């Protein structure tokens, strides 16, 4: 007796590319926001407001 085995693998490249792009955008946004926040904290206006 032989059994027939079928395996169907569906790889949706469009979804993979979409989610990789979204992840890249989120990573870049987090890095940019972190750098901007560091610069804001170092700025004289923030230092004056935070110490008063």
PDB file of N, CA and C in Angstrom:
ATOM      1  N   UNK A   1       0.845  -1.187   0.000  1.00  0.00           N
ATOM      2  CA  UNK A   1       0.000   0.000   0.000  1.00  0.00           C
ATOM      3  C   UNK A   1       0.886   1.245   0.000  1.00  0.00           C
ATOM      4  N   UNK A   2       0.532   2.132  -0.856  1.00  0.00           N
ATOM      5  CA  UNK A   2       1.263   3.399  -0.884  1.00  0.00           C
ATOM      6  C   UNK A   2       0.302   4.542  -0.554  1.00  0.00           C
ATOM      7  N   UNK A   3       0.844   5.475   0.179  1.00  0.00           N
ATOM      8  CA  UNK A   3       0.038   6.644   0.517  1.00  0.00           C
ATOM      9  C   UNK A   3       0.533   7.832  -0.296  1.00  0.00           C
ATOM     10  N   UNK A   4      -0.414   8.634  -0.681  1.00  0.00           N
ATOM     11  CA  UNK A   4      -0.068   9.839  -1.420  1.00  0.00           C
ATOM     12  C   UNK A   4      -0.052  11.007  -0.432  1.00  0.00           C
ATOM     13  N   UNK A   5       1.034  11.710  -0.397  1.00  0.00           N
ATOM     14  CA  UNK A   5       1.175  12.836   0.513  1.00  0.00           C
ATOM     15  C   UNK A   5       1.372  14.107  -0.309  1.00  0.00           C
ATOM     16  N   UNK A   6       0.511  15.065  -0.058  1.00  0.00           N
ATOM     17  CA  UNK A   6       0.629  16.368  -0.715  1.00  0.00           C
ATOM     18  C   UNK A   6       0.905  17.437   0.331  1.00  0.00           C
ATOM     19  N   UNK A   7       1.876  18.242   0.055  1.00  0.00           N
ATOM     20  CA  UNK A   7       2.193  19.366   0.919  1.00  0.00           C
ATOM     21  C   UNK A   7       2.189  20.608   0.049  1.00  0.00           C
ATOM     22  N   UNK A   8       1.307  21.516   0.356  1.00  0.00           N
ATOM     23  CA  UNK A   8       1.241  22.781  -0.381  1.00  0.00           C
ATOM     24  C   UNK A   8       1.765  23.895   0.515  1.00  0.00           C
ATOM     25  N   UNK A   9       2.791  24.554   0.046  1.00  0.00           N
ATOM     26  CA  UNK A   9       3.354  25.680   0.782  1.00  0.00           C
ATOM     27  C   UNK A   9       3.085  26.929  -0.036  1.00  0.00           C
ATOM     28  N   UNK A  10       2.391  27.852   0.598  1.00  0.00           N
ATOM     29  CA  UNK A  10       2.050  29.109  -0.074  1.00  0.00           C
ATOM     30  C   UNK A  10       2.864  30.229   0.570  1.00  0.00           C
ATOM     31  N   UNK A  11       3.794  30.775  -0.175  1.00  0.00           N
ATOM     32  CA  UNK A  11       4.632  31.870   0.323  1.00  0.00           C
ATOM     33  C   UNK A  11       4.160  33.147  -0.346  1.00  0.00           C
ATOM     34  N   UNK A  12       3.658  34.045   0.483  1.00  0.00           N
ATOM     35  CA  UNK A  12       3.156  35.317  -0.025  1.00  0.00           C
ATOM     36  C   UNK A  12       4.262  36.363   0.106  1.00  0.00           C
ATOM     37  N   UNK A  13       5.012  36.572  -0.957  1.00  0.00           N
ATOM     38  CA  UNK A  13       6.152  37.484  -0.940  1.00  0.00           C
ATOM     39  C   UNK A  13       5.692  38.922  -0.714  1.00  0.00           C
ATOM     40  N   UNK A  14       4.535  39.266  -1.218  1.00  0.00           N
ATOM     41  CA  UNK A  14       4.036  40.631  -1.054  1.00  0.00           C
ATOM     42  C   UNK A  14       3.863  40.977   0.420  1.00  0.00           C
ATOM     43  N   UNK A  15       3.305  40.076   1.202  1.00  0.00           N
ATOM     44  CA  UNK A  15       3.124  40.329   2.631  1.00  0.00           C
ATOM     45  C   UNK A  15       4.471  40.406   3.353  1.00  0.00           C
ATOM     46  N   UNK A  16       5.388  39.535   2.973  1.00  0.00           N
ATOM     47  CA  UNK A  16       6.711  39.550   3.608  1.00  0.00           C
ATOM     48  C   UNK A  16       7.398  40.889   3.360  1.00  0.00           C
ATOM     49  N   UNK A  17       7.390  41.351   2.127  1.00  0.00           N
ATOM     50  CA  UNK A  17       8.027  42.624   1.781  1.00  0.00           C
ATOM     51  C   UNK A  17       7.327  43.768   2.504  1.00  0.00           C
ATOM     52  N   UNK A  18       6.007  43.727   2.570  1.00  0.00           N
ATOM     53  CA  UNK A  18       5.258  44.787   3.238  1.00  0.00           C
ATOM     54  C   UNK A  18       5.641  44.886   4.706  1.00  0.00           C
ATOM     55  N   UNK A  19       5.691  43.754   5.397  1.00  0.00           N
ATOM     56  CA  UNK A  19       6.001  43.787   6.819  1.00  0.00           C
ATOM     57  C   UNK A  19       7.463  44.113   7.093  1.00  0.00           C
ATOM     58  N   UNK A  20       8.357  43.722   6.201  1.00  0.00           N
ATOM     59  CA  UNK A  20       9.764  44.102   6.353  1.00  0.00           C
ATOM     60  C   UNK A  20       9.919  45.611   6.189  1.00  0.00           C
ATOM     61  N   UNK A  21       9.215  46.195   5.242  1.00  0.00           N
ATOM     62  CA  UNK A  21       9.268  47.647   5.048  1.00  0.00           C
ATOM     63  C   UNK A  21       8.690  48.384   6.243  1.00  0.00           C
ATOM     64  N   UNK A  22       7.582  47.908   6.761  1.00  0.00           N
ATOM     65  CA  UNK A  22       6.970  48.546   7.937  1.00  0.00           C
ATOM     66  C   UNK A  22       7.917  48.454   9.131  1.00  0.00           C
ATOM     67  N   UNK A  23       8.540  47.302   9.324  1.00  0.00           N
ATOM     68  CA  UNK A  23       9.483  47.149  10.434  1.00  0.00           C
ATOM     69  C   UNK A  23      10.668  48.095  10.270  1.00  0.00           C
ATOM     70  N   UNK A  24      11.163  48.247   9.056  1.00  0.00           N
ATOM     71  CA  UNK A  24      12.269  49.181   8.807  1.00  0.00           C
ATOM     72  C   UNK A  24      11.889  50.609   9.099  1.00  0.00           C
ATOM     73  N   UNK A  25      10.698  50.996   8.710  1.00  0.00           N
ATOM     74  CA  UNK A  25      10.224  52.359   8.975  1.00  0.00           C
ATOM     75  C   UNK A  25      10.099  52.596  10.477  1.00  0.00           C
ATOM     76  N   UNK A  26       9.580  51.617  11.193  1.00  0.00           N
ATOM     77  CA  UNK A  26       9.430  51.759  12.646  1.00  0.00           C
ATOM     78  C   UNK A  26      10.797  51.870  13.321  1.00  0.00           C
ATOM     79  N   UNK A  27      11.756  51.064  12.891  1.00  0.00           N
ATOM     80  CA  UNK A  27      13.097  51.129  13.475  1.00  0.00           C
ATOM     81  C   UNK A  27      13.737  52.485  13.228  1.00  0.00           C
ATOM     82  N   UNK A  28      13.636  52.983  12.013  1.00  0.00           N
ATOM     83  CA  UNK A  28      14.208  54.301  11.695  1.00  0.00           C
ATOM     84  C   UNK A  28      13.507  55.391  12.496  1.00  0.00           C
ATOM     85  N   UNK A  29      12.199  55.299  12.649  1.00  0.00           N
ATOM     86  CA  UNK A  29      11.455  56.300  13.418  1.00  0.00           C
ATOM     87  C   UNK A  29      11.882  56.289  14.876  1.00  0.00           C
ATOM     88  N   UNK A  30      12.057  55.119  15.454  1.00  0.00           N
ATOM     89  CA  UNK A  30      12.481  55.038  16.853  1.00  0.00           C
ATOM     90  C   UNK A  30      13.863  55.648  17.035  1.00  0.00           C
ATOM     91  N   UNK A  31      14.775  55.361  16.126  1.00  0.00           N
ATOM     92  CA  UNK A  31      16.125  55.935  16.214  1.00  0.00           C
ATOM     93  C   UNK A  31      16.064  57.448  16.075  1.00  0.00           C
ATOM     94  N   UNK A  32      15.294  57.947  15.116  1.00  0.00           N
ATOM     95  CA  UNK A  32      15.193  59.386  14.914  1.00  0.00           C
ATOM     96  C   UNK A  32      14.571  60.073  16.129  1.00  0.00           C
ATOM     97  N   UNK A  33      13.515  59.501  16.671  1.00  0.00           N
ATOM     98  CA  UNK A  33      12.854  60.100  17.840  1.00  0.00           C
ATOM     99  C   UNK A  33      13.792  60.097  19.039  1.00  0.00           C
ATOM    100  N   UNK A  34      14.552  59.030  19.215  1.00  0.00           N
ATOM    101  CA  UNK A  34      15.489  58.974  20.331  1.00  0.00           C
ATOM    102  C   UNK A  34      16.550  60.066  20.210  1.00  0.00           C
ATOM    103  N   UNK A  35      17.113  60.224  19.003  1.00  0.00           N
ATOM    104  CA  UNK A  35      18.129  61.264  18.806  1.00  0.00           C
ATOM    105  C   UNK A  35      17.543  62.658  19.000  1.00  0.00           C
ATOM    106  N   UNK A  36      16.348  62.876  18.498  1.00  0.00           N
ATOM    107  CA  UNK A  36      15.711  64.187  18.660  1.00  0.00           C
ATOM    108  C   UNK A  36      15.432  64.473  20.124  1.00  0.00           C
ATOM    109  N   UNK A  37      15.001  63.473  20.868  1.00  0.00           N
ATOM    110  CA  UNK A  37      14.724  63.661  22.292  1.00  0.00           C
ATOM    111  C   UNK A  37      16.005  63.972  23.060  1.00  0.00           C
ATOM    112  N   UNK A  38      17.101  63.277  22.728  1.00  0.00           N
ATOM    113  CA  UNK A  38      18.379  63.567  23.382  1.00  0.00           C
ATOM    114  C   UNK A  38      18.809  65.010  23.119  1.00  0.00           C
ATOM    115  N   UNK A  39      18.668  65.460  21.874  1.00  0.00           N
ATOM    116  CA  UNK A  39      19.027  66.836  21.548  1.00  0.00           C
ATOM    117  C   UNK A  39      18.118  67.833  22.269  1.00  0.00           C
ATOM    118  N   UNK A  40      16.848  67.509  22.395  1.00  0.00           N
ATOM    119  CA  UNK A  40      15.924  68.388  23.107  1.00  0.00           C
ATOM    120  C   UNK A  40      16.290  68.491  24.574  1.00  0.00           C
ATOM    121  N   UNK A  41      16.665  67.375  25.185  1.00  0.00           N
ATOM    122  CA  UNK A  41      17.034  67.397  26.602  1.00  0.00           C
ATOM    123  C   UNK A  41      18.310  68.199  26.810  1.00  0.00           C
ATOM    124  N   UNK A  42      19.233  68.153  25.849  1.00  0.00           N
ATOM    125  CA  UNK A  42      20.481  68.910  25.953  1.00  0.00           C
ATOM    126  C   UNK A  42      20.299  70.387  25.642  1.00  0.00           C
ATOM    127  N   UNK A  43      19.190  70.760  25.029  1.00  0.00           N
ATOM    128  CA  UNK A  43      19.005  72.144  24.596  1.00  0.00           C
ATOM    129  C   UNK A  43      18.852  73.081  25.793  1.00  0.00           C
ATOM    130  N   UNK A  44      19.266  74.341  25.645  1.00  0.00           N
ATOM    131  CA  UNK A  44      19.184  75.298  26.754  1.00  0.00           C
ATOM    132  C   UNK A  44      17.750  75.540  27.239  1.00  0.00           C
ATOM    133  N   UNK A  45      16.784  75.521  26.353  1.00  0.00           N
ATOM    134  CA  UNK A  45      15.409  75.781  26.787  1.00  0.00           C
ATOM    135  C   UNK A  45      14.902  74.674  27.716  1.00  0.00           C
ATOM    136  N   UNK A  46      15.272  73.454  27.444  1.00  0.00           N
ATOM    137  CA  UNK A  46      14.842  72.344  28.300  1.00  0.00           C
ATOM    138  C   UNK A  46      15.567  72.389  29.618  1.00  0.00           C
ATOM    139  N   UNK A  47      16.838  72.692  29.582  1.00  0.00           N
ATOM    140  CA  UNK A  47      17.632  72.736  30.824  1.00  0.00           C
ATOM    141  C   UNK A  47      17.084  73.824  31.742  1.00  0.00           C
ATOM    142  N   UNK A  48      16.741  74.979  31.156  1.00  0.00           N
ATOM    143  CA  UNK A  48      16.222  76.077  31.973  1.00  0.00           C
ATOM    144  C   UNK A  48      14.855  75.709  32.567  1.00  0.00           C
ATOM    145  N   UNK A  49      13.984  75.095  31.776  1.00  0.00           N
ATOM    146  CA  UNK A  49      12.657  74.714  32.273  1.00  0.00           C
ATOM    147  C   UNK A  49      12.750  73.605  33.317  1.00  0.00           C
ATOM    148  N   UNK A  50      13.661  72.682  33.121  1.00  0.00           N
ATOM    149  CA  UNK A  50      13.773  71.541  34.023  1.00  0.00           C
ATOM    150  C   UNK A  50      14.405  71.897  35.363  1.00  0.00           C
ATOM    151  N   UNK A  51      15.265  72.922  35.370  1.00  0.00           N
ATOM    152  CA  UNK A  51      15.948  73.282  36.617  1.00  0.00           C
ATOM    153  C   UNK A  51      15.193  74.334  37.417  1.00  0.00           C
ATOM    154  N   UNK A  52      14.266  75.048  36.792  1.00  0.00           N
ATOM    155  CA  UNK A  52      13.513  76.083  37.534  1.00  0.00           C
ATOM    156  C   UNK A  52      12.376  75.495  38.317  1.00  0.00           C
TER     157      UNK A  52
END
